[in-house]
Amino acid sequence: MYIRSGDTVQVLVGEDKGKRGQVTSVDRKNSTVTVQGINVARKHIKRGHPQSPQGGRLDIEVPLDVSKVALIDPELDKPTRVGFRYLDDGSKERYAKKSGKSLGLVSPPKASRAKKS
């Protein structure tokens, strides 16, 4: 998956369109991400519940589909697509397609992917 925990993303569709937040969790199986402060729903709790002994309403962040968010390019501060590439030493990294800036390593160096000199 292109998006990881801790990434800053922007919502592309829905009532939260244009809002930005940090990814708190990623569910690879269902292709969903939970973003801090985005897609908030109210859950009503009965009195005596461990989360809220007095009862009431809790604000819960509901997961969004990955296709509805875009990663923010750290250099341009705009939404971008994400790509993968292999470096000369054989390690794999994520990069922002708009600026070409690295977003961090994905896997350690592999001898089979290293460029031969």
PDB file of N, CA and C in Angstrom:
ATOM      1  N   MET A   1       0.843  -1.176   0.000  1.00  0.00           N
ATOM      2  CA  MET A   1       0.000   0.000   0.000  1.00  0.00           C
ATOM      3  C   MET A   1       0.889   1.241   0.000  1.00  0.00           C
ATOM      4  N   TYR A   2       0.425   2.278  -0.661  1.00  0.00           N
ATOM      5  CA  TYR A   2       1.225   3.472  -0.852  1.00  0.00           C
ATOM      6  C   TYR A   2       1.268   4.385   0.375  1.00  0.00           C
ATOM      7  N   ILE A   3       0.246   4.316   1.203  1.00  0.00           N
ATOM      8  CA  ILE A   3       0.152   5.215   2.355  1.00  0.00           C
ATOM      9  C   ILE A   3       0.456   4.440   3.624  1.00  0.00           C
ATOM     10  N   ARG A   4       1.211   5.082   4.518  1.00  0.00           N
ATOM     11  CA  ARG A   4       1.609   4.455   5.775  1.00  0.00           C
ATOM     12  C   ARG A   4       1.154   5.299   6.962  1.00  0.00           C
ATOM     13  N   SER A   5       1.231   4.716   8.148  1.00  0.00           N
ATOM     14  CA  SER A   5       0.928   5.452   9.378  1.00  0.00           C
ATOM     15  C   SER A   5       1.901   6.611   9.526  1.00  0.00           C
ATOM     16  N   GLY A   6       1.397   7.760   9.940  1.00  0.00           N
ATOM     17  CA  GLY A   6       2.248   8.921  10.140  1.00  0.00           C
ATOM     18  C   GLY A   6       2.320   9.842   8.928  1.00  0.00           C
ATOM     19  N   ASP A   7       1.865   9.387   7.759  1.00  0.00           N
ATOM     20  CA  ASP A   7       1.854  10.237   6.566  1.00  0.00           C
ATOM     21  C   ASP A   7       0.785  11.317   6.702  1.00  0.00           C
ATOM     22  N   THR A   8       1.028  12.467   6.087  1.00  0.00           N
ATOM     23  CA  THR A   8       0.021  13.522   6.023  1.00  0.00           C
ATOM     24  C   THR A   8      -0.717  13.382   4.703  1.00  0.00           C
ATOM     25  N   VAL A   9      -2.050  13.333   4.769  1.00  0.00           N
ATOM     26  CA  VAL A   9      -2.866  13.132   3.576  1.00  0.00           C
ATOM     27  C   VAL A   9      -3.935  14.214   3.473  1.00  0.00           C
ATOM     28  N   GLN A  10      -4.493  14.358   2.271  1.00  0.00           N
ATOM     29  CA  GLN A  10      -5.600  15.282   2.027  1.00  0.00           C
ATOM     30  C   GLN A  10      -6.773  14.479   1.492  1.00  0.00           C
ATOM     31  N   VAL A  11      -7.974  14.777   1.990  1.00  0.00           N
ATOM     32  CA  VAL A  11      -9.179  14.079   1.557  1.00  0.00           C
ATOM     33  C   VAL A  11      -9.618  14.654   0.211  1.00  0.00           C
ATOM     34  N   LEU A  12      -9.933  13.764  -0.748  1.00  0.00           N
ATOM     35  CA  LEU A  12     -10.268  14.183  -2.110  1.00  0.00           C
ATOM     36  C   LEU A  12     -11.771  14.307  -2.352  1.00  0.00           C
ATOM     37  N   VAL A  13     -12.585  13.542  -1.620  1.00  0.00           N
ATOM     38  CA  VAL A  13     -14.037  13.558  -1.840  1.00  0.00           C
ATOM     39  C   VAL A  13     -14.780  13.528  -0.507  1.00  0.00           C
ATOM     40  N   GLY A  14     -16.083  13.840  -0.561  1.00  0.00           N
ATOM     41  CA  GLY A  14     -16.926  13.744   0.627  1.00  0.00           C
ATOM     42  C   GLY A  14     -17.054  15.060   1.364  1.00  0.00           C
ATOM     43  N   GLU A  15     -17.672  15.000   2.541  1.00  0.00           N
ATOM     44  CA  GLU A  15     -17.931  16.223   3.295  1.00  0.00           C
ATOM     45  C   GLU A  15     -16.654  16.823   3.873  1.00  0.00           C
ATOM     46  N   ASP A  16     -15.602  16.025   4.016  1.00  0.00           N
ATOM     47  CA  ASP A  16     -14.322  16.519   4.527  1.00  0.00           C
ATOM     48  C   ASP A  16     -13.344  16.859   3.408  1.00  0.00           C
ATOM     49  N   LYS A  17     -13.837  17.049   2.189  1.00  0.00           N
ATOM     50  CA  LYS A  17     -12.984  17.313   1.030  1.00  0.00           C
ATOM     51  C   LYS A  17     -12.089  18.522   1.267  1.00  0.00           C
ATOM     52  N   GLY A  18     -10.802  18.349   0.983  1.00  0.00           N
ATOM     53  CA  GLY A  18      -9.841  19.435   1.144  1.00  0.00           C
ATOM     54  C   GLY A  18      -9.160  19.477   2.495  1.00  0.00           C
ATOM     55  N   LYS A  19      -9.693  18.761   3.487  1.00  0.00           N
ATOM     56  CA  LYS A  19      -9.092  18.764   4.822  1.00  0.00           C
ATOM     57  C   LYS A  19      -7.858  17.868   4.839  1.00  0.00           C
ATOM     58  N   ARG A  20      -6.916  18.222   5.706  1.00  0.00           N
ATOM     59  CA  ARG A  20      -5.681  17.451   5.843  1.00  0.00           C
ATOM     60  C   ARG A  20      -5.576  16.881   7.243  1.00  0.00           C
ATOM     61  N   GLY A  21      -4.898  15.748   7.345  1.00  0.00           N
ATOM     62  CA  GLY A  21      -4.689  15.127   8.637  1.00  0.00           C
ATOM     63  C   GLY A  21      -3.616  14.071   8.553  1.00  0.00           C
ATOM     64  N   GLN A  22      -3.247  13.560   9.720  1.00  0.00           N
ATOM     65  CA  GLN A  22      -2.212  12.541   9.784  1.00  0.00           C
ATOM     66  C   GLN A  22      -2.858  11.165   9.896  1.00  0.00           C
ATOM     67  N   VAL A  23      -2.298  10.195   9.179  1.00  0.00           N
ATOM     68  CA  VAL A  23      -2.822   8.833   9.190  1.00  0.00           C
ATOM     69  C   VAL A  23      -2.464   8.183  10.522  1.00  0.00           C
ATOM     70  N   THR A  24      -3.485   7.685  11.238  1.00  0.00           N
ATOM     71  CA  THR A  24      -3.243   7.030  12.519  1.00  0.00           C
ATOM     72  C   THR A  24      -3.163   5.520  12.390  1.00  0.00           C
ATOM     73  N   SER A  25      -3.920   4.938  11.449  1.00  0.00           N
ATOM     74  CA  SER A  25      -3.841   3.484  11.245  1.00  0.00           C
ATOM     75  C   SER A  25      -4.162   3.140   9.797  1.00  0.00           C
ATOM     76  N   VAL A  26      -3.595   2.011   9.346  1.00  0.00           N
ATOM     77  CA  VAL A  26      -3.788   1.534   7.983  1.00  0.00           C
ATOM     78  C   VAL A  26      -4.264   0.090   8.050  1.00  0.00           C
ATOM     79  N   ASP A  27      -5.358  -0.218   7.339  1.00  0.00           N
ATOM     80  CA  ASP A  27      -5.871  -1.591   7.253  1.00  0.00           C
ATOM     81  C   ASP A  27      -5.645  -2.070   5.820  1.00  0.00           C
ATOM     82  N   ARG A  28      -4.599  -2.871   5.630  1.00  0.00           N
ATOM     83  CA  ARG A  28      -4.236  -3.331   4.283  1.00  0.00           C
ATOM     84  C   ARG A  28      -5.279  -4.273   3.704  1.00  0.00           C
ATOM     85  N   LYS A  29      -5.890  -5.082   4.540  1.00  0.00           N
ATOM     86  CA  LYS A  29      -6.859  -6.074   4.063  1.00  0.00           C
ATOM     87  C   LYS A  29      -8.079  -5.403   3.432  1.00  0.00           C
ATOM     88  N   ASN A  30      -8.593  -4.363   4.092  1.00  0.00           N
ATOM     89  CA  ASN A  30      -9.789  -3.665   3.603  1.00  0.00           C
ATOM     90  C   ASN A  30      -9.466  -2.413   2.794  1.00  0.00           C
ATOM     91  N   SER A  31      -8.180  -2.103   2.625  1.00  0.00           N
ATOM     92  CA  SER A  31      -7.730  -0.909   1.895  1.00  0.00           C
ATOM     93  C   SER A  31      -8.340   0.369   2.469  1.00  0.00           C
ATOM     94  N   THR A  32      -8.241   0.521   3.778  1.00  0.00           N
ATOM     95  CA  THR A  32      -8.762   1.713   4.435  1.00  0.00           C
ATOM     96  C   THR A  32      -7.697   2.351   5.319  1.00  0.00           C
ATOM     97  N   VAL A  33      -7.856   3.649   5.557  1.00  0.00           N
ATOM     98  CA  VAL A  33      -6.974   4.385   6.466  1.00  0.00           C
ATOM     99  C   VAL A  33      -7.829   5.202   7.426  1.00  0.00           C
ATOM    100  N   THR A  34      -7.341   5.373   8.640  1.00  0.00           N
ATOM    101  CA  THR A  34      -7.999   6.232   9.615  1.00  0.00           C
ATOM    102  C   THR A  34      -7.156   7.491   9.738  1.00  0.00           C
ATOM    103  N   VAL A  35      -7.792   8.649   9.542  1.00  0.00           N
ATOM    104  CA  VAL A  35      -7.080   9.925   9.549  1.00  0.00           C
ATOM    105  C   VAL A  35      -7.546  10.739  10.752  1.00  0.00           C
ATOM    106  N   GLN A  36      -6.584  11.325  11.450  1.00  0.00           N
ATOM    107  CA  GLN A  36      -6.870  12.089  12.662  1.00  0.00           C
ATOM    108  C   GLN A  36      -7.740  13.305  12.368  1.00  0.00           C
ATOM    109  N   GLY A  37      -8.910  13.384  13.010  1.00  0.00           N
ATOM    110  CA  GLY A  37      -9.803  14.527  12.874  1.00  0.00           C
ATOM    111  C   GLY A  37     -10.671  14.521  11.623  1.00  0.00           C
ATOM    112  N   ILE A  38     -10.620  13.455  10.821  1.00  0.00           N
ATOM    113  CA  ILE A  38     -11.367  13.381   9.570  1.00  0.00           C
ATOM    114  C   ILE A  38     -12.381  12.245   9.647  1.00  0.00           C
ATOM    115  N   ASN A  39     -13.553  12.434   9.025  1.00  0.00           N
ATOM    116  CA  ASN A  39     -14.611  11.419   8.968  1.00  0.00           C
ATOM    117  C   ASN A  39     -15.033  10.986  10.377  1.00  0.00           C
ATOM    118  N   VAL A  40     -15.382  11.969  11.191  1.00  0.00           N
ATOM    119  CA  VAL A  40     -15.737  11.724  12.593  1.00  0.00           C
ATOM    120  C   VAL A  40     -17.226  11.404  12.706  1.00  0.00           C
ATOM    121  N   ALA A  41     -17.528  10.328  13.430  1.00  0.00           N
ATOM    122  CA  ALA A  41     -18.914   9.923  13.677  1.00  0.00           C
ATOM    123  C   ALA A  41     -19.155   9.939  15.178  1.00  0.00           C
ATOM    124  N   ARG A  42     -20.419  10.073  15.562  1.00  0.00           N
ATOM    125  CA  ARG A  42     -20.771  10.062  16.981  1.00  0.00           C
ATOM    126  C   ARG A  42     -21.286   8.683  17.369  1.00  0.00           C
ATOM    127  N   LYS A  43     -20.748   8.155  18.462  1.00  0.00           N
ATOM    128  CA  LYS A  43     -21.199   6.871  18.983  1.00  0.00           C
ATOM    129  C   LYS A  43     -21.857   7.135  20.332  1.00  0.00           C
ATOM    130  N   HIS A  44     -23.081   6.643  20.486  1.00  0.00           N
ATOM    131  CA  HIS A  44     -23.819   6.853  21.735  1.00  0.00           C
ATOM    132  C   HIS A  44     -23.518   5.712  22.692  1.00  0.00           C
ATOM    133  N   ILE A  45     -23.124   6.077  23.920  1.00  0.00           N
ATOM    134  CA  ILE A  45     -22.688   5.105  24.922  1.00  0.00           C
ATOM    135  C   ILE A  45     -23.661   5.110  26.093  1.00  0.00           C
ATOM    136  N   LYS A  46     -24.046   3.904  26.537  1.00  0.00           N
ATOM    137  CA  LYS A  46     -24.899   3.798  27.728  1.00  0.00           C
ATOM    138  C   LYS A  46     -24.076   4.053  28.983  1.00  0.00           C
ATOM    139  N   ARG A  47     -24.749   4.442  30.038  1.00  0.00           N
ATOM    140  CA  ARG A  47     -24.097   4.653  31.315  1.00  0.00           C
ATOM    141  C   ARG A  47     -23.465   3.354  31.804  1.00  0.00           C
ATOM    142  N   GLY A  48     -22.284   3.455  32.407  1.00  0.00           N
ATOM    143  CA  GLY A  48     -21.614   2.279  32.950  1.00  0.00           C
ATOM    144  C   GLY A  48     -20.622   1.635  31.988  1.00  0.00           C
ATOM    145  N   HIS A  49     -20.456   2.184  30.806  1.00  0.00           N
ATOM    146  CA  HIS A  49     -19.510   1.645  29.823  1.00  0.00           C
ATOM    147  C   HIS A  49     -18.080   2.033  30.236  1.00  0.00           C
ATOM    148  N   PRO A  50     -17.087   1.135  30.052  1.00  0.00           N
ATOM    149  CA  PRO A  50     -15.712   1.446  30.477  1.00  0.00           C
ATOM    150  C   PRO A  50     -15.119   2.701  29.805  1.00  0.00           C
ATOM    151  N   GLN A  51     -15.504   2.993  28.552  1.00  0.00           N
ATOM    152  CA  GLN A  51     -14.979   4.172  27.874  1.00  0.00           C
ATOM    153  C   GLN A  51     -15.557   5.466  28.421  1.00  0.00           C
ATOM    154  N   SER A  52     -16.782   5.412  28.912  1.00  0.00           N
ATOM    155  CA  SER A  52     -17.441   6.603  29.416  1.00  0.00           C
ATOM    156  C   SER A  52     -18.427   6.189  30.508  1.00  0.00           C
ATOM    157  N   PRO A  53     -17.993   6.157  31.782  1.00  0.00           N
ATOM    158  CA  PRO A  53     -18.864   5.676  32.876  1.00  0.00           C
ATOM    159  C   PRO A  53     -20.172   6.453  33.017  1.00  0.00           C
ATOM    160  N   GLN A  54     -20.162   7.757  32.709  1.00  0.00           N
ATOM    161  CA  GLN A  54     -21.384   8.551  32.849  1.00  0.00           C
ATOM    162  C   GLN A  54     -22.275   8.453  31.613  1.00  0.00           C
ATOM    163  N   GLY A  55     -21.781   7.805  30.547  1.00  0.00           N
ATOM    164  CA  GLY A  55     -22.560   7.692  29.314  1.00  0.00           C
ATOM    165  C   GLY A  55     -22.408   8.930  28.457  1.00  0.00           C
ATOM    166  N   GLY A  56     -23.145   8.979  27.362  1.00  0.00           N
ATOM    167  CA  GLY A  56     -23.095  10.154  26.493  1.00  0.00           C
ATOM    168  C   GLY A  56     -22.686   9.804  25.078  1.00  0.00           C
ATOM    169  N   ARG A  57     -22.071  10.777  24.395  1.00  0.00           N
ATOM    170  CA  ARG A  57     -21.674  10.584  22.997  1.00  0.00           C
ATOM    171  C   ARG A  57     -20.164  10.692  22.869  1.00  0.00           C
ATOM    172  N   LEU A  58     -19.567   9.765  22.113  1.00  0.00           N
ATOM    173  CA  LEU A  58     -18.139   9.793  21.847  1.00  0.00           C
ATOM    174  C   LEU A  58     -17.915  10.079  20.367  1.00  0.00           C
ATOM    175  N   ASP A  59     -16.908  10.891  20.066  1.00  0.00           N
ATOM    176  CA  ASP A  59     -16.530  11.131  18.676  1.00  0.00           C
ATOM    177  C   ASP A  59     -15.509  10.080  18.268  1.00  0.00           C
ATOM    178  N   ILE A  60     -15.807   9.350  17.202  1.00  0.00           N
ATOM    179  CA  ILE A  60     -14.948   8.272  16.729  1.00  0.00           C
ATOM    180  C   ILE A  60     -14.558   8.552  15.277  1.00  0.00           C
ATOM    181  N   GLU A  61     -13.269   8.360  14.967  1.00  0.00           N
ATOM    182  CA  GLU A  61     -12.795   8.520  13.588  1.00  0.00           C
ATOM    183  C   GLU A  61     -13.054   7.227  12.833  1.00  0.00           C
ATOM    184  N   VAL A  62     -13.851   7.307  11.782  1.00  0.00           N
ATOM    185  CA  VAL A  62     -14.230   6.150  10.985  1.00  0.00           C
ATOM    186  C   VAL A  62     -13.246   6.017   9.821  1.00  0.00           C
ATOM    187  N   PRO A  63     -12.833   4.790   9.468  1.00  0.00           N
ATOM    188  CA  PRO A  63     -11.875   4.617   8.373  1.00  0.00           C
ATOM    189  C   PRO A  63     -12.416   5.100   7.026  1.00  0.00           C
ATOM    190  N   LEU A  64     -11.504   5.585   6.189  1.00  0.00           N
ATOM    191  CA  LEU A  64     -11.789   6.035   4.819  1.00  0.00           C
ATOM    192  C   LEU A  64     -11.125   5.071   3.845  1.00  0.00           C
ATOM    193  N   ASP A  65     -11.685   4.940   2.653  1.00  0.00           N
ATOM    194  CA  ASP A  65     -11.036   4.142   1.617  1.00  0.00           C
ATOM    195  C   ASP A  65      -9.773   4.867   1.148  1.00  0.00           C
ATOM    196  N   VAL A  66      -8.734   4.102   0.853  1.00  0.00           N
ATOM    197  CA  VAL A  66      -7.454   4.687   0.448  1.00  0.00           C
ATOM    198  C   VAL A  66      -7.590   5.530  -0.812  1.00  0.00           C
ATOM    199  N   SER A  67      -8.521   5.164  -1.705  1.00  0.00           N
ATOM    200  CA  SER A  67      -8.681   5.898  -2.955  1.00  0.00           C
ATOM    201  C   SER A  67      -9.240   7.305  -2.744  1.00  0.00           C
ATOM    202  N   LYS A  68      -9.737   7.594  -1.551  1.00  0.00           N
ATOM    203  CA  LYS A  68     -10.345   8.896  -1.277  1.00  0.00           C
ATOM    204  C   LYS A  68      -9.380   9.888  -0.638  1.00  0.00           C
ATOM    205  N   VAL A  69      -8.121   9.472  -0.450  1.00  0.00           N
ATOM    206  CA  VAL A  69      -7.110  10.365   0.123  1.00  0.00           C
ATOM    207  C   VAL A  69      -5.879  10.390  -0.776  1.00  0.00           C
ATOM    208  N   ALA A  70      -5.133  11.492  -0.719  1.00  0.00           N
ATOM    209  CA  ALA A  70      -3.886  11.622  -1.470  1.00  0.00           C
ATOM    210  C   ALA A  70      -2.789  12.089  -0.522  1.00  0.00           C
ATOM    211  N   LEU A  71      -1.618  11.534  -0.689  1.00  0.00           N
ATOM    212  CA  LEU A  71      -0.469  11.896   0.126  1.00  0.00           C
ATOM    213  C   LEU A  71      -0.030  13.316  -0.204  1.00  0.00           C
ATOM    214  N   ILE A  72       0.420  14.062   0.816  1.00  0.00           N
ATOM    215  CA  ILE A  72       0.905  15.424   0.611  1.00  0.00           C
ATOM    216  C   ILE A  72       2.404  15.381   0.328  1.00  0.00           C
ATOM    217  N   ASP A  73       2.811  16.008  -0.787  1.00  0.00           N
ATOM    218  CA  ASP A  73       4.222  16.088  -1.160  1.00  0.00           C
ATOM    219  C   ASP A  73       4.926  16.993  -0.149  1.00  0.00           C
ATOM    220  N   PRO A  74       5.973  16.506   0.533  1.00  0.00           N
ATOM    221  CA  PRO A  74       6.631  17.319   1.553  1.00  0.00           C
ATOM    222  C   PRO A  74       7.338  18.558   0.995  1.00  0.00           C
ATOM    223  N   GLU A  75       7.719  18.524  -0.278  1.00  0.00           N
ATOM    224  CA  GLU A  75       8.437  19.649  -0.873  1.00  0.00           C
ATOM    225  C   GLU A  75       7.489  20.720  -1.402  1.00  0.00           C
ATOM    226  N   LEU A  76       6.435  20.306  -2.120  1.00  0.00           N
ATOM    227  CA  LEU A  76       5.513  21.253  -2.755  1.00  0.00           C
ATOM    228  C   LEU A  76       4.291  21.577  -1.907  1.00  0.00           C
ATOM    229  N   ASP A  77       4.043  20.775  -0.863  1.00  0.00           N
ATOM    230  CA  ASP A  77       2.879  20.935   0.010  1.00  0.00           C
ATOM    231  C   ASP A  77       1.567  20.817  -0.768  1.00  0.00           C
ATOM    232  N   LYS A  78       1.530  19.902  -1.756  1.00  0.00           N
ATOM    233  CA  LYS A  78       0.341  19.635  -2.561  1.00  0.00           C
ATOM    234  C   LYS A  78       0.120  18.131  -2.629  1.00  0.00           C
ATOM    235  N   PRO A  79      -1.114  17.696  -2.928  1.00  0.00           N
ATOM    236  CA  PRO A  79      -1.371  16.257  -3.065  1.00  0.00           C
ATOM    237  C   PRO A  79      -0.588  15.682  -4.248  1.00  0.00           C
ATOM    238  N   THR A  80      -0.098  14.466  -4.074  1.00  0.00           N
ATOM    239  CA  THR A  80       0.681  13.817  -5.116  1.00  0.00           C
ATOM    240  C   THR A  80       0.419  12.322  -5.134  1.00  0.00           C
ATOM    241  N   ARG A  81       0.787  11.697  -6.247  1.00  0.00           N
ATOM    242  CA  ARG A  81       0.754  10.239  -6.312  1.00  0.00           C
ATOM    243  C   ARG A  81       2.081   9.722  -5.776  1.00  0.00           C
ATOM    244  N   VAL A  82       2.113   8.436  -5.460  1.00  0.00           N
ATOM    245  CA  VAL A  82       3.313   7.844  -4.878  1.00  0.00           C
ATOM    246  C   VAL A  82       3.827   6.764  -5.812  1.00  0.00           C
ATOM    247  N   GLY A  83       5.147   6.714  -5.968  1.00  0.00           N
ATOM    248  CA  GLY A  83       5.769   5.682  -6.779  1.00  0.00           C
ATOM    249  C   GLY A  83       6.829   4.953  -5.987  1.00  0.00           C
ATOM    250  N   PHE A  84       7.293   3.843  -6.539  1.00  0.00           N
ATOM    251  CA  PHE A  84       8.372   3.077  -5.934  1.00  0.00           C
ATOM    252  C   PHE A  84       9.518   2.998  -6.923  1.00  0.00           C
ATOM    253  N   ARG A  85      10.751   3.030  -6.423  1.00  0.00           N
ATOM    254  CA  ARG A  85      11.919   2.871  -7.286  1.00  0.00           C
ATOM    255  C   ARG A  85      13.046   2.205  -6.501  1.00  0.00           C
ATOM    256  N   TYR A  86      13.942   1.593  -7.265  1.00  0.00           N
ATOM    257  CA  TYR A  86      15.111   0.961  -6.670  1.00  0.00           C
ATOM    258  C   TYR A  86      16.300   1.893  -6.794  1.00  0.00           C
ATOM    259  N   LEU A  87      17.069   2.002  -5.716  1.00  0.00           N
ATOM    260  CA  LEU A  87      18.260   2.838  -5.707  1.00  0.00           C
ATOM    261  C   LEU A  87      19.461   2.023  -6.203  1.00  0.00           C
ATOM    262  N   ASP A  88      20.593   2.692  -6.371  1.00  0.00           N
ATOM    263  CA  ASP A  88      21.791   2.029  -6.887  1.00  0.00           C
ATOM    264  C   ASP A  88      22.273   0.880  -6.009  1.00  0.00           C
ATOM    265  N   ASP A  89      22.064   0.991  -4.694  1.00  0.00           N
ATOM    266  CA  ASP A  89      22.526  -0.078  -3.791  1.00  0.00           C
ATOM    267  C   ASP A  89      21.533  -1.239  -3.696  1.00  0.00           C
ATOM    268  N   GLY A  90      20.393  -1.142  -4.387  1.00  0.00           N
ATOM    269  CA  GLY A  90      19.409  -2.226  -4.398  1.00  0.00           C
ATOM    270  C   GLY A  90      18.279  -2.061  -3.408  1.00  0.00           C
ATOM    271  N   SER A  91      18.254  -0.959  -2.652  1.00  0.00           N
ATOM    272  CA  SER A  91      17.161  -0.735  -1.703  1.00  0.00           C
ATOM    273  C   SER A  91      15.981  -0.090  -2.425  1.00  0.00           C
ATOM    274  N   LYS A  92      14.791  -0.340  -1.916  1.00  0.00           N
ATOM    275  CA  LYS A  92      13.558   0.155  -2.524  1.00  0.00           C
ATOM    276  C   LYS A  92      13.035   1.324  -1.702  1.00  0.00           C
ATOM    277  N   GLU A  93      12.582   2.389  -2.386  1.00  0.00           N
ATOM    278  CA  GLU A  93      12.060   3.556  -1.672  1.00  0.00           C
ATOM    279  C   GLU A  93      10.760   4.043  -2.295  1.00  0.00           C
ATOM    280  N   ARG A  94       9.968   4.759  -1.463  1.00  0.00           N
ATOM    281  CA  ARG A  94       8.786   5.459  -1.961  1.00  0.00           C
ATOM    282  C   ARG A  94       9.226   6.861  -2.358  1.00  0.00           C
ATOM    283  N   TYR A  95       8.582   7.417  -3.406  1.00  0.00           N
ATOM    284  CA  TYR A  95       8.893   8.791  -3.778  1.00  0.00           C
ATOM    285  C   TYR A  95       7.637   9.498  -4.279  1.00  0.00           C
ATOM    286  N   ALA A  96       7.635  10.833  -4.144  1.00  0.00           N
ATOM    287  CA  ALA A  96       6.519  11.656  -4.608  1.00  0.00           C
ATOM    288  C   ALA A  96       6.672  11.855  -6.107  1.00  0.00           C
ATOM    289  N   LYS A  97       5.621  11.561  -6.871  1.00  0.00           N
ATOM    290  CA  LYS A  97       5.694  11.647  -8.328  1.00  0.00           C
ATOM    291  C   LYS A  97       5.814  13.096  -8.809  1.00  0.00           C
ATOM    292  N   LYS A  98       5.243  14.063  -8.080  1.00  0.00           N
ATOM    293  CA  LYS A  98       5.286  15.458  -8.527  1.00  0.00           C
ATOM    294  C   LYS A  98       6.685  16.051  -8.420  1.00  0.00           C
ATOM    295  N   SER A  99       7.345  15.851  -7.283  1.00  0.00           N
ATOM    296  CA  SER A  99       8.642  16.491  -7.071  1.00  0.00           C
ATOM    297  C   SER A  99       9.816  15.522  -7.210  1.00  0.00           C
ATOM    298  N   GLY A 100       9.554  14.222  -7.113  1.00  0.00           N
ATOM    299  CA  GLY A 100      10.626  13.236  -7.173  1.00  0.00           C
ATOM    300  C   GLY A 100      11.345  13.052  -5.853  1.00  0.00           C
ATOM    301  N   LYS A 101      10.869  13.702  -4.799  1.00  0.00           N
ATOM    302  CA  LYS A 101      11.510  13.627  -3.481  1.00  0.00           C
ATOM    303  C   LYS A 101      11.236  12.285  -2.816  1.00  0.00           C
ATOM    304  N   SER A 102      12.232  11.762  -2.126  1.00  0.00           N
ATOM    305  CA  SER A 102      12.116  10.476  -1.440  1.00  0.00           C
ATOM    306  C   SER A 102      11.187  10.597  -0.233  1.00  0.00           C
ATOM    307  N   LEU A 103      10.385   9.549  -0.002  1.00  0.00           N
ATOM    308  CA  LEU A 103       9.488   9.500   1.149  1.00  0.00           C
ATOM    309  C   LEU A 103       9.922   8.437   2.150  1.00  0.00           C
ATOM    310  N   GLY A 104      11.109   7.880   1.947  1.00  0.00           N
ATOM    311  CA  GLY A 104      11.637   6.885   2.877  1.00  0.00           C
ATOM    312  C   GLY A 104      11.816   5.522   2.236  1.00  0.00           C
ATOM    313  N   LEU A 105      12.677   4.725   2.848  1.00  0.00           N
ATOM    314  CA  LEU A 105      12.954   3.386   2.343  1.00  0.00           C
ATOM    315  C   LEU A 105      11.824   2.429   2.676  1.00  0.00           C
ATOM    316  N   VAL A 106      11.588   1.471   1.765  1.00  0.00           N
ATOM    317  CA  VAL A 106      10.566   0.453   1.961  1.00  0.00           C
ATOM    318  C   VAL A 106      11.214  -0.869   2.347  1.00  0.00           C
ATOM    319  N   SER A 107      12.336  -1.202   1.690  1.00  0.00           N
ATOM    320  CA  SER A 107      13.020  -2.453   1.999  1.00  0.00           C
ATOM    321  C   SER A 107      14.528  -2.242   1.973  1.00  0.00           C
ATOM    322  N   PRO A 108      15.255  -3.070   2.702  1.00  0.00           N
ATOM    323  CA  PRO A 108      16.711  -2.937   2.745  1.00  0.00           C
ATOM    324  C   PRO A 108      17.345  -3.340   1.412  1.00  0.00           C
ATOM    325  N   PRO A 109      18.623  -3.054   1.241  1.00  0.00           N
ATOM    326  CA  PRO A 109      19.289  -3.385  -0.026  1.00  0.00           C
ATOM    327  C   PRO A 109      19.279  -4.878  -0.331  1.00  0.00           C
ATOM    328  N   LYS A 110      19.058  -5.179  -1.616  1.00  0.00           N
ATOM    329  CA  LYS A 110      19.122  -6.562  -2.108  1.00  0.00           C
ATOM    330  C   LYS A 110      20.226  -6.631  -3.149  1.00  0.00           C
ATOM    331  N   ALA A 111      21.052  -7.635  -3.065  1.00  0.00           N
ATOM    332  CA  ALA A 111      22.172  -7.779  -4.003  1.00  0.00           C
ATOM    333  C   ALA A 111      21.658  -7.980  -5.431  1.00  0.00           C
ATOM    334  N   SER A 112      20.518  -8.647  -5.585  1.00  0.00           N
ATOM    335  CA  SER A 112      19.988  -8.922  -6.929  1.00  0.00           C
ATOM    336  C   SER A 112      19.493  -7.657  -7.622  1.00  0.00           C
ATOM    337  N   ARG A 113      19.122  -6.614  -6.858  1.00  0.00           N
ATOM    338  CA  ARG A 113      18.617  -5.364  -7.437  1.00  0.00           C
ATOM    339  C   ARG A 113      19.692  -4.280  -7.541  1.00  0.00           C
ATOM    340  N   ALA A 114      20.873  -4.523  -6.979  1.00  0.00           N
ATOM    341  CA  ALA A 114      21.938  -3.523  -6.995  1.00  0.00           C
ATOM    342  C   ALA A 114      22.487  -3.371  -8.421  1.00  0.00           C
ATOM    343  N   LYS A 115      22.871  -2.128  -8.764  1.00  0.00           N
ATOM    344  CA  LYS A 115      23.458  -1.888 -10.082  1.00  0.00           C
ATOM    345  C   LYS A 115      24.884  -2.397 -10.089  1.00  0.00           C
ATOM    346  N   LYS A 116      25.219  -3.087 -11.147  1.00  0.00           N
ATOM    347  CA  LYS A 116      26.561  -3.642 -11.263  1.00  0.00           C
ATOM    348  C   LYS A 116      27.458  -2.606 -11.931  1.00  0.00           C
ATOM    349  N   SER A 117      28.645  -2.389 -11.343  1.00  0.00           N
ATOM    350  CA  SER A 117      29.544  -1.389 -11.913  1.00  0.00           C
ATOM    351  C   SER A 117      30.719  -2.005 -12.622  1.00  0.00           C
TER     352      SER A 117
END
